[in-house]
Amino acid sequence: MSYEVILWLHVLVMGYWIGSDLVVNALTHYVARGSSLPPLERKRLWDFLLHVDQHPRNALILSVPLGFTLAAQIGQVPLDDAALAALWVASALWFGFMWLTHWKRSAASGPVLARWDWRSRYVLIACVLFIGVKSLVTGSPMSAPWLAWKVILFAGVLACGIGIRYYIRDAYRAWPRIWAGKGTAEDEQTVVTAMNRGTYVLWCLWTLLFVIGWLGVAKP
C-alpha cells in the first residue's frame, strides 16, 4: 500500500482507540456505581463491557504493524518486505490469541490463557523498551530519536494496560458477591475505588498516546 493509505489507517486506528476507550471508561463507572441496578443486570452490563473493551485492544495490536510499516516506508527502520510480512503475521497471531483469551475466559482453559496473555505483555514491554533505548543510544535500529521515543512511550502504554488490568482484577474481589445479591457497602466501595484508580492509569495511557501522536506529526 502507499504511504498515504498506511498513514490514514494509522490515524484511523488511533481515533478508534481513544474513542472506544472513552466508551469503556464511561460504561465502567456506570456499572461500578450502579448499586440500584438488579445484580444480574449489573453482571450482564459488565459482560457487555468486557466485549466493548476488546476494541481498544484491537487498536493497540493494529497500531504496531501499521506504525512499523510507516517507519519502514520513510527509511527509519531497516525492515524489508519479508520482515514486514513477518511482523504482520506475528501481529495477526497476537490478535487471534487476544480474542481466543477473551472468548475462553469462562472456560476451563480461561485462567491459563489469561496468565499467558498477561506474561506475554511483560516480555513485549521489555523488548519494545530495549529497542527504543538502544536506538536512542546507538542510532540503530531506528535512526531518528523521535521514533525511538515513540517506541519507548509505547512500552509505557503497554505498562498502563497492565495497570488497568490489575485494578480490574482487584474489583473481582467484590464482584461475585455483588452479582449474587450478597454485596455489602464495603464491596461496593471496593469496586468504585478499583475503577477510579484504573481511570487514573487510563489518563496516563491517553497522555502517552497524545504525545506519541504529536511525535509522529512533528518529528522533532
N, C-alpha and C. Protein backbone atom coordinates (compact mmCIF):
# COMPACT_ATOMS: atom_id res chain seq x y z
N MET A 1 0.83 -1.19 0.00
CA MET A 1 0.00 0.00 0.00
C MET A 1 0.87 1.25 0.00
N SER A 2 0.29 2.37 -0.46
CA SER A 2 1.03 3.61 -0.48
C SER A 2 1.19 4.15 0.94
N TYR A 3 2.15 5.05 1.09
CA TYR A 3 2.41 5.66 2.40
C TYR A 3 1.17 6.39 2.89
N GLU A 4 0.46 7.08 2.00
CA GLU A 4 -0.70 7.86 2.40
C GLU A 4 -1.82 6.96 2.95
N VAL A 5 -2.00 5.79 2.34
CA VAL A 5 -3.04 4.87 2.80
C VAL A 5 -2.69 4.32 4.19
N ILE A 6 -1.43 3.92 4.37
CA ILE A 6 -1.00 3.40 5.67
C ILE A 6 -1.12 4.48 6.74
N LEU A 7 -0.74 5.71 6.38
CA LEU A 7 -0.85 6.82 7.33
C LEU A 7 -2.28 7.06 7.73
N TRP A 8 -3.18 7.02 6.75
CA TRP A 8 -4.61 7.22 7.03
C TRP A 8 -5.12 6.13 7.96
N LEU A 9 -4.74 4.87 7.71
CA LEU A 9 -5.16 3.76 8.56
C LEU A 9 -4.60 3.91 9.98
N HIS A 10 -3.36 4.38 10.07
CA HIS A 10 -2.72 4.56 11.38
C HIS A 10 -3.47 5.62 12.20
N VAL A 11 -3.81 6.72 11.57
CA VAL A 11 -4.56 7.78 12.24
C VAL A 11 -5.95 7.28 12.62
N LEU A 12 -6.58 6.53 11.71
CA LEU A 12 -7.91 5.98 11.97
C LEU A 12 -7.90 5.06 13.19
N VAL A 13 -6.86 4.23 13.29
CA VAL A 13 -6.75 3.31 14.41
C VAL A 13 -6.55 4.07 15.72
N MET A 14 -5.78 5.15 15.69
CA MET A 14 -5.59 5.95 16.91
C MET A 14 -6.92 6.54 17.37
N GLY A 15 -7.72 7.05 16.43
CA GLY A 15 -9.03 7.58 16.78
C GLY A 15 -9.96 6.49 17.31
N TYR A 16 -9.91 5.34 16.67
CA TYR A 16 -10.69 4.18 17.11
C TYR A 16 -10.30 3.79 18.53
N TRP A 17 -9.02 3.85 18.84
CA TRP A 17 -8.51 3.50 20.16
C TRP A 17 -9.05 4.45 21.23
N ILE A 18 -8.86 5.74 21.01
CA ILE A 18 -9.30 6.73 22.01
C ILE A 18 -10.82 6.70 22.15
N GLY A 19 -11.53 6.64 21.04
CA GLY A 19 -12.99 6.64 21.09
C GLY A 19 -13.56 5.45 21.84
N SER A 20 -13.03 4.26 21.56
CA SER A 20 -13.54 3.07 22.25
C SER A 20 -13.15 3.09 23.72
N ASP A 21 -11.98 3.63 24.04
CA ASP A 21 -11.58 3.76 25.45
C ASP A 21 -12.54 4.68 26.22
N LEU A 22 -12.98 5.75 25.58
CA LEU A 22 -13.92 6.66 26.23
C LEU A 22 -15.22 5.95 26.56
N VAL A 23 -15.70 5.13 25.63
CA VAL A 23 -16.94 4.39 25.86
C VAL A 23 -16.75 3.39 27.00
N VAL A 24 -15.65 2.66 26.98
CA VAL A 24 -15.38 1.66 28.02
C VAL A 24 -15.31 2.33 29.39
N ASN A 25 -14.62 3.46 29.47
CA ASN A 25 -14.46 4.14 30.75
C ASN A 25 -15.80 4.64 31.28
N ALA A 26 -16.62 5.22 30.41
CA ALA A 26 -17.93 5.71 30.84
C ALA A 26 -18.81 4.56 31.32
N LEU A 27 -18.81 3.46 30.58
CA LEU A 27 -19.63 2.31 30.96
C LEU A 27 -19.12 1.68 32.26
N THR A 28 -17.81 1.68 32.44
CA THR A 28 -17.22 1.13 33.67
C THR A 28 -17.74 1.85 34.90
N HIS A 29 -17.72 3.17 34.85
CA HIS A 29 -18.18 3.93 36.02
C HIS A 29 -19.69 3.82 36.21
N TYR A 30 -20.43 3.66 35.13
CA TYR A 30 -21.87 3.47 35.25
C TYR A 30 -22.18 2.17 35.98
N VAL A 31 -21.48 1.09 35.60
CA VAL A 31 -21.71 -0.21 36.23
C VAL A 31 -21.20 -0.21 37.67
N ALA A 32 -20.02 0.40 37.89
CA ALA A 32 -19.43 0.40 39.23
C ALA A 32 -20.31 1.15 40.23
N ARG A 33 -21.00 2.18 39.77
CA ARG A 33 -21.83 2.98 40.66
C ARG A 33 -23.31 2.62 40.57
N GLY A 34 -23.60 1.52 39.90
CA GLY A 34 -25.00 1.14 39.68
C GLY A 34 -25.56 0.25 40.76
N SER A 35 -25.35 0.61 42.02
CA SER A 35 -25.83 -0.22 43.13
C SER A 35 -27.35 -0.35 43.14
N SER A 36 -28.06 0.57 42.47
CA SER A 36 -29.51 0.49 42.44
C SER A 36 -30.02 -0.49 41.38
N LEU A 37 -29.11 -0.95 40.51
CA LEU A 37 -29.49 -1.89 39.46
C LEU A 37 -29.61 -3.30 40.03
N PRO A 38 -30.46 -4.15 39.44
CA PRO A 38 -30.51 -5.55 39.86
C PRO A 38 -29.15 -6.21 39.66
N PRO A 39 -28.73 -7.10 40.55
CA PRO A 39 -27.41 -7.73 40.44
C PRO A 39 -27.15 -8.40 39.10
N LEU A 40 -28.13 -9.13 38.58
CA LEU A 40 -27.93 -9.81 37.30
C LEU A 40 -27.79 -8.82 36.14
N GLU A 41 -28.48 -7.69 36.26
CA GLU A 41 -28.35 -6.66 35.23
C GLU A 41 -26.96 -6.06 35.25
N ARG A 42 -26.39 -5.87 36.43
CA ARG A 42 -25.01 -5.35 36.52
C ARG A 42 -24.02 -6.35 35.93
N LYS A 43 -24.26 -7.63 36.18
CA LYS A 43 -23.37 -8.64 35.60
C LYS A 43 -23.49 -8.65 34.08
N ARG A 44 -24.72 -8.53 33.59
CA ARG A 44 -24.93 -8.50 32.14
C ARG A 44 -24.21 -7.30 31.52
N LEU A 45 -24.30 -6.15 32.17
CA LEU A 45 -23.62 -4.96 31.67
C LEU A 45 -22.11 -5.11 31.75
N TRP A 46 -21.61 -5.75 32.82
CA TRP A 46 -20.17 -5.97 32.94
C TRP A 46 -19.67 -6.89 31.83
N ASP A 47 -20.42 -7.94 31.53
CA ASP A 47 -20.03 -8.84 30.44
C ASP A 47 -20.02 -8.09 29.11
N PHE A 48 -21.00 -7.21 28.92
CA PHE A 48 -21.02 -6.39 27.70
C PHE A 48 -19.81 -5.46 27.66
N LEU A 49 -19.47 -4.91 28.82
CA LEU A 49 -18.30 -4.02 28.92
C LEU A 49 -17.03 -4.75 28.49
N LEU A 50 -16.90 -6.02 28.90
CA LEU A 50 -15.72 -6.79 28.52
C LEU A 50 -15.65 -6.99 27.01
N HIS A 51 -16.80 -7.13 26.37
CA HIS A 51 -16.82 -7.23 24.90
C HIS A 51 -16.35 -5.91 24.27
N VAL A 52 -16.88 -4.80 24.78
CA VAL A 52 -16.51 -3.49 24.24
C VAL A 52 -15.02 -3.21 24.47
N ASP A 53 -14.50 -3.72 25.58
CA ASP A 53 -13.09 -3.49 25.91
C ASP A 53 -12.14 -4.16 24.94
N GLN A 54 -12.66 -5.03 24.10
CA GLN A 54 -11.81 -5.64 23.08
C GLN A 54 -11.41 -4.62 22.00
N HIS A 55 -12.20 -3.59 21.82
CA HIS A 55 -11.91 -2.62 20.77
C HIS A 55 -10.60 -1.86 21.01
N PRO A 56 -10.35 -1.33 22.22
CA PRO A 56 -9.03 -0.72 22.45
C PRO A 56 -7.88 -1.71 22.25
N ARG A 57 -8.11 -2.97 22.60
CA ARG A 57 -7.07 -3.97 22.40
C ARG A 57 -6.84 -4.25 20.91
N ASN A 58 -7.94 -4.25 20.15
CA ASN A 58 -7.79 -4.35 18.69
C ASN A 58 -6.87 -3.25 18.17
N ALA A 59 -7.16 -2.03 18.61
CA ALA A 59 -6.41 -0.87 18.12
C ALA A 59 -4.94 -0.95 18.54
N LEU A 60 -4.70 -1.37 19.77
CA LEU A 60 -3.32 -1.48 20.25
C LEU A 60 -2.51 -2.40 19.34
N ILE A 61 -3.06 -3.57 19.04
CA ILE A 61 -2.34 -4.53 18.21
C ILE A 61 -2.18 -4.02 16.78
N LEU A 62 -3.22 -3.45 16.22
CA LEU A 62 -3.15 -2.95 14.84
C LEU A 62 -2.14 -1.82 14.68
N SER A 63 -1.96 -1.04 15.75
CA SER A 63 -1.05 0.10 15.65
C SER A 63 0.41 -0.33 15.48
N VAL A 64 0.74 -1.54 15.92
CA VAL A 64 2.14 -2.00 15.85
C VAL A 64 2.59 -2.22 14.40
N PRO A 65 1.94 -3.10 13.63
CA PRO A 65 2.41 -3.29 12.25
C PRO A 65 2.22 -2.05 11.38
N LEU A 66 1.16 -1.28 11.64
CA LEU A 66 0.95 -0.06 10.86
C LEU A 66 2.07 0.94 11.12
N GLY A 67 2.43 1.11 12.40
CA GLY A 67 3.48 2.07 12.75
C GLY A 67 4.83 1.68 12.16
N PHE A 68 5.18 0.41 12.27
CA PHE A 68 6.47 -0.02 11.74
C PHE A 68 6.49 -0.01 10.21
N THR A 69 5.33 -0.25 9.59
CA THR A 69 5.26 -0.15 8.13
C THR A 69 5.49 1.28 7.67
N LEU A 70 4.89 2.23 8.37
CA LEU A 70 5.13 3.64 8.06
C LEU A 70 6.60 3.99 8.21
N ALA A 71 7.19 3.56 9.33
CA ALA A 71 8.60 3.88 9.58
C ALA A 71 9.50 3.27 8.51
N ALA A 72 9.17 2.05 8.07
CA ALA A 72 9.97 1.40 7.03
C ALA A 72 9.85 2.14 5.70
N GLN A 73 8.66 2.66 5.42
CA GLN A 73 8.45 3.33 4.13
C GLN A 73 9.20 4.66 4.04
N ILE A 74 9.52 5.27 5.19
CA ILE A 74 10.30 6.51 5.15
C ILE A 74 11.76 6.26 5.52
N GLY A 75 12.14 4.98 5.56
CA GLY A 75 13.53 4.63 5.78
C GLY A 75 14.05 4.80 7.19
N GLN A 76 13.16 4.75 8.19
CA GLN A 76 13.58 4.95 9.57
C GLN A 76 13.88 3.65 10.30
N VAL A 77 13.43 2.53 9.76
CA VAL A 77 13.75 1.22 10.34
C VAL A 77 14.18 0.28 9.22
N PRO A 78 15.19 -0.57 9.46
CA PRO A 78 15.71 -1.46 8.41
C PRO A 78 14.88 -2.72 8.25
N LEU A 79 13.63 -2.56 7.82
CA LEU A 79 12.75 -3.70 7.62
C LEU A 79 12.42 -3.81 6.13
N ASP A 80 12.77 -4.95 5.52
CA ASP A 80 12.40 -5.16 4.12
C ASP A 80 11.01 -5.77 4.05
N ASP A 81 10.57 -6.10 2.84
CA ASP A 81 9.21 -6.62 2.67
C ASP A 81 9.00 -7.92 3.44
N ALA A 82 10.01 -8.78 3.46
CA ALA A 82 9.88 -10.06 4.15
C ALA A 82 9.73 -9.85 5.67
N ALA A 83 10.52 -8.92 6.20
CA ALA A 83 10.45 -8.64 7.64
C ALA A 83 9.10 -8.01 7.99
N LEU A 84 8.62 -7.12 7.15
CA LEU A 84 7.31 -6.51 7.40
C LEU A 84 6.20 -7.55 7.32
N ALA A 85 6.30 -8.47 6.35
CA ALA A 85 5.30 -9.54 6.24
C ALA A 85 5.31 -10.40 7.50
N ALA A 86 6.51 -10.70 8.02
CA ALA A 86 6.61 -11.49 9.26
C ALA A 86 5.99 -10.74 10.43
N LEU A 87 6.19 -9.43 10.47
CA LEU A 87 5.60 -8.62 11.54
C LEU A 87 4.09 -8.63 11.47
N TRP A 88 3.54 -8.55 10.28
CA TRP A 88 2.09 -8.58 10.12
C TRP A 88 1.53 -9.94 10.52
N VAL A 89 2.24 -11.01 10.17
CA VAL A 89 1.79 -12.35 10.56
C VAL A 89 1.83 -12.50 12.08
N ALA A 90 2.93 -12.04 12.70
CA ALA A 90 3.04 -12.11 14.17
C ALA A 90 1.94 -11.31 14.84
N SER A 91 1.62 -10.14 14.27
CA SER A 91 0.56 -9.31 14.83
C SER A 91 -0.80 -9.99 14.68
N ALA A 92 -1.00 -10.67 13.55
CA ALA A 92 -2.25 -11.40 13.34
C ALA A 92 -2.40 -12.54 14.34
N LEU A 93 -1.29 -13.22 14.64
CA LEU A 93 -1.32 -14.29 15.63
C LEU A 93 -1.61 -13.72 17.02
N TRP A 94 -1.01 -12.59 17.33
CA TRP A 94 -1.27 -11.92 18.60
C TRP A 94 -2.74 -11.53 18.69
N PHE A 95 -3.26 -11.00 17.60
CA PHE A 95 -4.67 -10.59 17.53
C PHE A 95 -5.57 -11.80 17.80
N GLY A 96 -5.27 -12.92 17.14
CA GLY A 96 -6.07 -14.12 17.32
C GLY A 96 -6.01 -14.66 18.74
N PHE A 97 -4.80 -14.62 19.33
CA PHE A 97 -4.64 -15.10 20.69
C PHE A 97 -5.40 -14.22 21.68
N MET A 98 -5.38 -12.92 21.43
CA MET A 98 -6.10 -11.99 22.30
C MET A 98 -7.60 -12.30 22.28
N TRP A 99 -8.15 -12.56 21.11
CA TRP A 99 -9.57 -12.87 21.01
C TRP A 99 -9.88 -14.26 21.58
N LEU A 100 -8.96 -15.21 21.38
CA LEU A 100 -9.16 -16.54 21.97
C LEU A 100 -9.22 -16.46 23.49
N THR A 101 -8.32 -15.66 24.07
CA THR A 101 -8.31 -15.47 25.52
C THR A 101 -9.63 -14.87 25.99
N HIS A 102 -10.16 -13.94 25.20
CA HIS A 102 -11.43 -13.30 25.57
C HIS A 102 -12.59 -14.30 25.51
N TRP A 103 -12.70 -15.04 24.42
CA TRP A 103 -13.84 -15.94 24.26
C TRP A 103 -13.78 -17.14 25.19
N LYS A 104 -12.58 -17.50 25.63
CA LYS A 104 -12.42 -18.66 26.52
C LYS A 104 -12.32 -18.25 27.99
N ARG A 105 -12.61 -17.01 28.31
CA ARG A 105 -12.38 -16.53 29.67
C ARG A 105 -13.19 -17.28 30.72
N SER A 106 -14.34 -17.83 30.32
CA SER A 106 -15.17 -18.57 31.26
C SER A 106 -14.99 -20.08 31.15
N ALA A 107 -14.14 -20.52 30.22
CA ALA A 107 -13.90 -21.94 30.04
C ALA A 107 -12.82 -22.42 31.00
N ALA A 108 -12.60 -23.73 31.02
CA ALA A 108 -11.58 -24.29 31.91
C ALA A 108 -10.19 -23.79 31.55
N SER A 109 -9.98 -23.54 30.26
CA SER A 109 -8.67 -23.05 29.80
C SER A 109 -8.50 -21.55 29.98
N GLY A 110 -9.56 -20.86 30.41
CA GLY A 110 -9.52 -19.40 30.52
C GLY A 110 -8.41 -18.87 31.40
N PRO A 111 -8.27 -19.36 32.64
CA PRO A 111 -7.20 -18.84 33.51
C PRO A 111 -5.80 -19.06 32.95
N VAL A 112 -5.58 -20.20 32.30
CA VAL A 112 -4.26 -20.47 31.72
C VAL A 112 -3.96 -19.50 30.58
N LEU A 113 -4.93 -19.31 29.70
CA LEU A 113 -4.75 -18.36 28.60
C LEU A 113 -4.53 -16.95 29.12
N ALA A 114 -5.28 -16.57 30.15
CA ALA A 114 -5.14 -15.23 30.72
C ALA A 114 -3.74 -15.02 31.30
N ARG A 115 -3.21 -16.05 31.96
CA ARG A 115 -1.85 -15.94 32.51
C ARG A 115 -0.81 -15.77 31.41
N TRP A 116 -0.96 -16.54 30.34
CA TRP A 116 -0.01 -16.41 29.23
C TRP A 116 -0.14 -15.04 28.56
N ASP A 117 -1.37 -14.56 28.44
CA ASP A 117 -1.58 -13.24 27.86
C ASP A 117 -0.92 -12.17 28.73
N TRP A 118 -1.08 -12.28 30.04
CA TRP A 118 -0.51 -11.33 30.98
C TRP A 118 1.01 -11.36 30.90
N ARG A 119 1.59 -12.57 30.93
CA ARG A 119 3.05 -12.70 30.92
C ARG A 119 3.65 -12.22 29.61
N SER A 120 2.95 -12.47 28.50
CA SER A 120 3.48 -12.04 27.20
C SER A 120 3.60 -10.53 27.12
N ARG A 121 2.75 -9.81 27.86
CA ARG A 121 2.84 -8.35 27.86
C ARG A 121 4.15 -7.88 28.49
N TYR A 122 4.58 -8.57 29.56
CA TYR A 122 5.85 -8.20 30.19
C TYR A 122 7.02 -8.41 29.22
N VAL A 123 6.99 -9.53 28.50
CA VAL A 123 8.05 -9.81 27.51
C VAL A 123 8.04 -8.74 26.42
N LEU A 124 6.85 -8.40 25.95
CA LEU A 124 6.73 -7.40 24.89
C LEU A 124 7.21 -6.04 25.37
N ILE A 125 6.86 -5.66 26.59
CA ILE A 125 7.32 -4.38 27.15
C ILE A 125 8.85 -4.35 27.18
N ALA A 126 9.46 -5.43 27.65
CA ALA A 126 10.92 -5.49 27.74
C ALA A 126 11.56 -5.36 26.36
N CYS A 127 11.00 -6.05 25.38
CA CYS A 127 11.55 -6.00 24.02
C CYS A 127 11.42 -4.61 23.41
N VAL A 128 10.23 -4.02 23.54
CA VAL A 128 9.98 -2.70 22.97
C VAL A 128 10.87 -1.65 23.65
N LEU A 129 10.98 -1.74 24.96
CA LEU A 129 11.81 -0.78 25.69
C LEU A 129 13.27 -0.92 25.30
N PHE A 130 13.73 -2.15 25.14
CA PHE A 130 15.11 -2.38 24.73
C PHE A 130 15.39 -1.77 23.36
N ILE A 131 14.49 -2.00 22.41
CA ILE A 131 14.67 -1.46 21.06
C ILE A 131 14.71 0.06 21.09
N GLY A 132 13.80 0.68 21.85
CA GLY A 132 13.74 2.13 21.91
C GLY A 132 14.97 2.74 22.54
N VAL A 133 15.39 2.20 23.68
CA VAL A 133 16.57 2.74 24.38
C VAL A 133 17.83 2.51 23.55
N LYS A 134 17.96 1.33 22.98
CA LYS A 134 19.14 1.04 22.13
C LYS A 134 19.21 2.00 20.95
N SER A 135 18.06 2.30 20.37
CA SER A 135 18.04 3.22 19.24
C SER A 135 18.45 4.63 19.66
N LEU A 136 18.02 5.05 20.84
CA LEU A 136 18.42 6.37 21.34
C LEU A 136 19.93 6.44 21.55
N VAL A 137 20.50 5.36 22.08
CA VAL A 137 21.92 5.37 22.44
C VAL A 137 22.82 5.16 21.23
N THR A 138 22.42 4.23 20.34
CA THR A 138 23.30 3.85 19.23
C THR A 138 22.83 4.33 17.86
N GLY A 139 21.58 4.79 17.76
CA GLY A 139 21.05 5.19 16.46
C GLY A 139 20.63 4.01 15.61
N SER A 140 20.49 2.83 16.22
CA SER A 140 20.08 1.63 15.49
C SER A 140 19.23 0.75 16.42
N PRO A 141 18.19 0.12 15.93
CA PRO A 141 17.76 0.03 14.53
C PRO A 141 16.98 1.24 14.01
N MET A 142 16.57 2.14 14.89
CA MET A 142 15.85 3.33 14.45
C MET A 142 16.77 4.53 14.55
N SER A 143 16.94 5.21 13.45
CA SER A 143 17.91 6.30 13.40
C SER A 143 17.39 7.61 13.98
N ALA A 144 16.08 7.82 13.95
CA ALA A 144 15.51 9.09 14.41
C ALA A 144 15.15 9.02 15.90
N PRO A 145 15.65 9.95 16.71
CA PRO A 145 15.31 9.95 18.14
C PRO A 145 13.81 10.04 18.40
N TRP A 146 13.08 10.81 17.59
CA TRP A 146 11.65 10.95 17.82
C TRP A 146 10.93 9.60 17.69
N LEU A 147 11.42 8.75 16.76
CA LEU A 147 10.82 7.44 16.58
C LEU A 147 11.18 6.51 17.74
N ALA A 148 12.41 6.63 18.21
CA ALA A 148 12.82 5.84 19.37
C ALA A 148 11.97 6.19 20.59
N TRP A 149 11.69 7.48 20.74
CA TRP A 149 10.85 7.90 21.87
C TRP A 149 9.42 7.39 21.72
N LYS A 150 8.92 7.33 20.49
CA LYS A 150 7.58 6.77 20.28
C LYS A 150 7.53 5.32 20.74
N VAL A 151 8.58 4.57 20.44
CA VAL A 151 8.62 3.16 20.83
C VAL A 151 8.73 3.03 22.36
N ILE A 152 9.56 3.88 22.97
CA ILE A 152 9.69 3.85 24.42
C ILE A 152 8.36 4.18 25.10
N LEU A 153 7.69 5.19 24.59
CA LEU A 153 6.40 5.57 25.17
C LEU A 153 5.35 4.49 24.93
N PHE A 154 5.48 3.76 23.82
CA PHE A 154 4.55 2.67 23.57
C PHE A 154 4.72 1.58 24.63
N ALA A 155 5.95 1.38 25.08
CA ALA A 155 6.16 0.45 26.20
C ALA A 155 5.40 0.93 27.43
N GLY A 156 5.38 2.25 27.63
CA GLY A 156 4.61 2.81 28.72
C GLY A 156 3.12 2.56 28.56
N VAL A 157 2.63 2.64 27.32
CA VAL A 157 1.22 2.35 27.04
C VAL A 157 0.89 0.91 27.42
N LEU A 158 1.77 -0.02 27.04
CA LEU A 158 1.57 -1.42 27.39
C LEU A 158 1.56 -1.61 28.91
N ALA A 159 2.46 -0.90 29.59
CA ALA A 159 2.52 -0.99 31.05
C ALA A 159 1.23 -0.44 31.68
N CYS A 160 0.70 0.63 31.12
CA CYS A 160 -0.56 1.18 31.62
C CYS A 160 -1.69 0.17 31.45
N GLY A 161 -1.66 -0.55 30.33
CA GLY A 161 -2.67 -1.58 30.11
C GLY A 161 -2.65 -2.64 31.19
N ILE A 162 -1.44 -3.03 31.60
CA ILE A 162 -1.32 -4.00 32.69
C ILE A 162 -1.83 -3.40 33.99
N GLY A 163 -1.52 -2.12 34.21
CA GLY A 163 -2.00 -1.45 35.42
C GLY A 163 -3.52 -1.43 35.49
N ILE A 164 -4.16 -1.14 34.37
CA ILE A 164 -5.63 -1.14 34.34
C ILE A 164 -6.18 -2.52 34.64
N ARG A 165 -5.54 -3.54 34.06
CA ARG A 165 -5.97 -4.91 34.32
C ARG A 165 -5.83 -5.25 35.81
N TYR A 166 -4.79 -4.75 36.42
CA TYR A 166 -4.57 -5.02 37.84
C TYR A 166 -5.77 -4.53 38.67
N TYR A 167 -6.24 -3.34 38.36
CA TYR A 167 -7.36 -2.80 39.12
C TYR A 167 -8.67 -3.49 38.77
N ILE A 168 -8.80 -3.97 37.54
CA ILE A 168 -9.98 -4.76 37.20
C ILE A 168 -9.99 -6.06 38.01
N ARG A 169 -8.81 -6.68 38.12
CA ARG A 169 -8.72 -7.88 38.95
C ARG A 169 -9.04 -7.57 40.41
N ASP A 170 -8.64 -6.42 40.86
CA ASP A 170 -8.92 -6.02 42.24
C ASP A 170 -10.42 -5.93 42.47
N ALA A 171 -11.15 -5.45 41.47
CA ALA A 171 -12.60 -5.34 41.60
C ALA A 171 -13.26 -6.71 41.70
N TYR A 172 -12.62 -7.73 41.12
CA TYR A 172 -13.20 -9.07 41.18
C TYR A 172 -13.18 -9.67 42.59
N ARG A 173 -12.54 -9.00 43.53
CA ARG A 173 -12.64 -9.45 44.93
C ARG A 173 -14.05 -9.23 45.46
N ALA A 174 -14.76 -8.30 44.84
CA ALA A 174 -16.11 -7.96 45.32
C ALA A 174 -17.22 -8.32 44.34
N TRP A 175 -16.92 -8.34 43.04
CA TRP A 175 -17.98 -8.52 42.04
C TRP A 175 -18.81 -9.80 42.25
N PRO A 176 -18.20 -10.97 42.50
CA PRO A 176 -19.04 -12.18 42.63
C PRO A 176 -20.11 -12.05 43.71
N ARG A 177 -19.80 -11.44 44.84
CA ARG A 177 -20.80 -11.27 45.89
C ARG A 177 -21.88 -10.28 45.46
N ILE A 178 -21.46 -9.22 44.76
CA ILE A 178 -22.45 -8.23 44.29
C ILE A 178 -23.39 -8.87 43.28
N TRP A 179 -22.85 -9.64 42.34
CA TRP A 179 -23.68 -10.28 41.33
C TRP A 179 -24.62 -11.33 41.93
N ALA A 180 -24.21 -11.90 43.06
CA ALA A 180 -25.06 -12.89 43.73
C ALA A 180 -26.09 -12.23 44.64
N GLY A 181 -26.11 -10.89 44.68
CA GLY A 181 -27.05 -10.18 45.52
C GLY A 181 -26.67 -10.17 46.98
N LYS A 182 -25.39 -10.45 47.28
CA LYS A 182 -24.92 -10.51 48.66
C LYS A 182 -23.85 -9.45 48.95
N GLY A 183 -23.76 -8.47 48.06
CA GLY A 183 -22.73 -7.44 48.22
C GLY A 183 -23.01 -6.52 49.40
N THR A 184 -21.93 -6.08 50.01
CA THR A 184 -22.03 -5.15 51.13
C THR A 184 -21.61 -3.75 50.67
N ALA A 185 -21.77 -2.79 51.55
CA ALA A 185 -21.31 -1.43 51.24
C ALA A 185 -19.80 -1.42 51.00
N GLU A 186 -19.10 -2.26 51.73
CA GLU A 186 -17.65 -2.36 51.55
C GLU A 186 -17.31 -2.92 50.17
N ASP A 187 -18.09 -3.90 49.72
CA ASP A 187 -17.88 -4.46 48.37
C ASP A 187 -18.10 -3.39 47.31
N GLU A 188 -19.15 -2.61 47.47
CA GLU A 188 -19.43 -1.54 46.51
C GLU A 188 -18.28 -0.54 46.47
N GLN A 189 -17.75 -0.20 47.64
CA GLN A 189 -16.64 0.75 47.69
C GLN A 189 -15.38 0.15 47.08
N THR A 190 -15.18 -1.14 47.25
CA THR A 190 -14.02 -1.80 46.64
C THR A 190 -14.04 -1.66 45.13
N VAL A 191 -15.22 -1.89 44.54
CA VAL A 191 -15.36 -1.79 43.08
C VAL A 191 -15.14 -0.36 42.62
N VAL A 192 -15.79 0.59 43.28
CA VAL A 192 -15.67 2.00 42.89
C VAL A 192 -14.21 2.47 43.00
N THR A 193 -13.55 2.12 44.09
CA THR A 193 -12.16 2.53 44.29
C THR A 193 -11.26 1.93 43.21
N ALA A 194 -11.45 0.64 42.91
CA ALA A 194 -10.64 -0.01 41.89
C ALA A 194 -10.84 0.65 40.52
N MET A 195 -12.08 0.96 40.19
CA MET A 195 -12.36 1.57 38.89
C MET A 195 -11.83 3.00 38.82
N ASN A 196 -11.90 3.73 39.94
CA ASN A 196 -11.33 5.08 39.97
C ASN A 196 -9.82 5.04 39.73
N ARG A 197 -9.15 4.14 40.42
CA ARG A 197 -7.70 4.03 40.25
C ARG A 197 -7.33 3.57 38.85
N GLY A 198 -8.14 2.68 38.29
CA GLY A 198 -7.90 2.27 36.91
C GLY A 198 -8.05 3.43 35.94
N THR A 199 -8.99 4.34 36.25
CA THR A 199 -9.19 5.51 35.40
C THR A 199 -7.98 6.44 35.44
N TYR A 200 -7.35 6.58 36.60
CA TYR A 200 -6.14 7.40 36.68
C TYR A 200 -5.04 6.84 35.78
N VAL A 201 -4.92 5.51 35.77
CA VAL A 201 -3.93 4.88 34.89
C VAL A 201 -4.32 5.10 33.43
N LEU A 202 -5.62 5.03 33.15
CA LEU A 202 -6.10 5.27 31.78
C LEU A 202 -5.75 6.68 31.33
N TRP A 203 -5.86 7.67 32.22
CA TRP A 203 -5.47 9.04 31.86
C TRP A 203 -4.00 9.10 31.47
N CYS A 204 -3.17 8.37 32.20
CA CYS A 204 -1.74 8.31 31.84
C CYS A 204 -1.57 7.70 30.46
N LEU A 205 -2.33 6.64 30.18
CA LEU A 205 -2.26 5.99 28.87
C LEU A 205 -2.64 6.96 27.77
N TRP A 206 -3.73 7.71 27.96
CA TRP A 206 -4.16 8.68 26.95
C TRP A 206 -3.09 9.75 26.74
N THR A 207 -2.48 10.20 27.83
CA THR A 207 -1.43 11.22 27.72
C THR A 207 -0.28 10.69 26.87
N LEU A 208 0.11 9.45 27.10
CA LEU A 208 1.18 8.85 26.30
C LEU A 208 0.78 8.76 24.83
N LEU A 209 -0.48 8.39 24.56
CA LEU A 209 -0.93 8.31 23.18
C LEU A 209 -0.90 9.67 22.49
N PHE A 210 -1.30 10.71 23.21
CA PHE A 210 -1.28 12.05 22.62
C PHE A 210 0.16 12.47 22.31
N VAL A 211 1.09 12.17 23.20
CA VAL A 211 2.50 12.52 22.96
C VAL A 211 3.03 11.70 21.79
N ILE A 212 2.68 10.43 21.73
CA ILE A 212 3.10 9.59 20.60
C ILE A 212 2.57 10.16 19.29
N GLY A 213 1.30 10.56 19.29
CA GLY A 213 0.73 11.16 18.09
C GLY A 213 1.45 12.44 17.70
N TRP A 214 1.77 13.28 18.68
CA TRP A 214 2.48 14.53 18.40
C TRP A 214 3.88 14.25 17.82
N LEU A 215 4.57 13.27 18.38
CA LEU A 215 5.90 12.93 17.86
C LEU A 215 5.81 12.47 16.41
N GLY A 216 4.76 11.72 16.09
CA GLY A 216 4.61 11.24 14.72
C GLY A 216 4.33 12.35 13.72
N VAL A 217 3.65 13.40 14.19
CA VAL A 217 3.33 14.52 13.30
C VAL A 217 4.49 15.52 13.23
N ALA A 218 5.01 15.91 14.39
CA ALA A 218 6.05 16.94 14.45
C ALA A 218 7.42 16.43 14.05
N LYS A 219 7.71 15.16 14.39
CA LYS A 219 9.03 14.57 14.11
C LYS A 219 10.16 15.50 14.55
N PRO A 220 10.18 15.90 15.82
CA PRO A 220 11.19 16.88 16.27
C PRO A 220 12.62 16.31 16.26
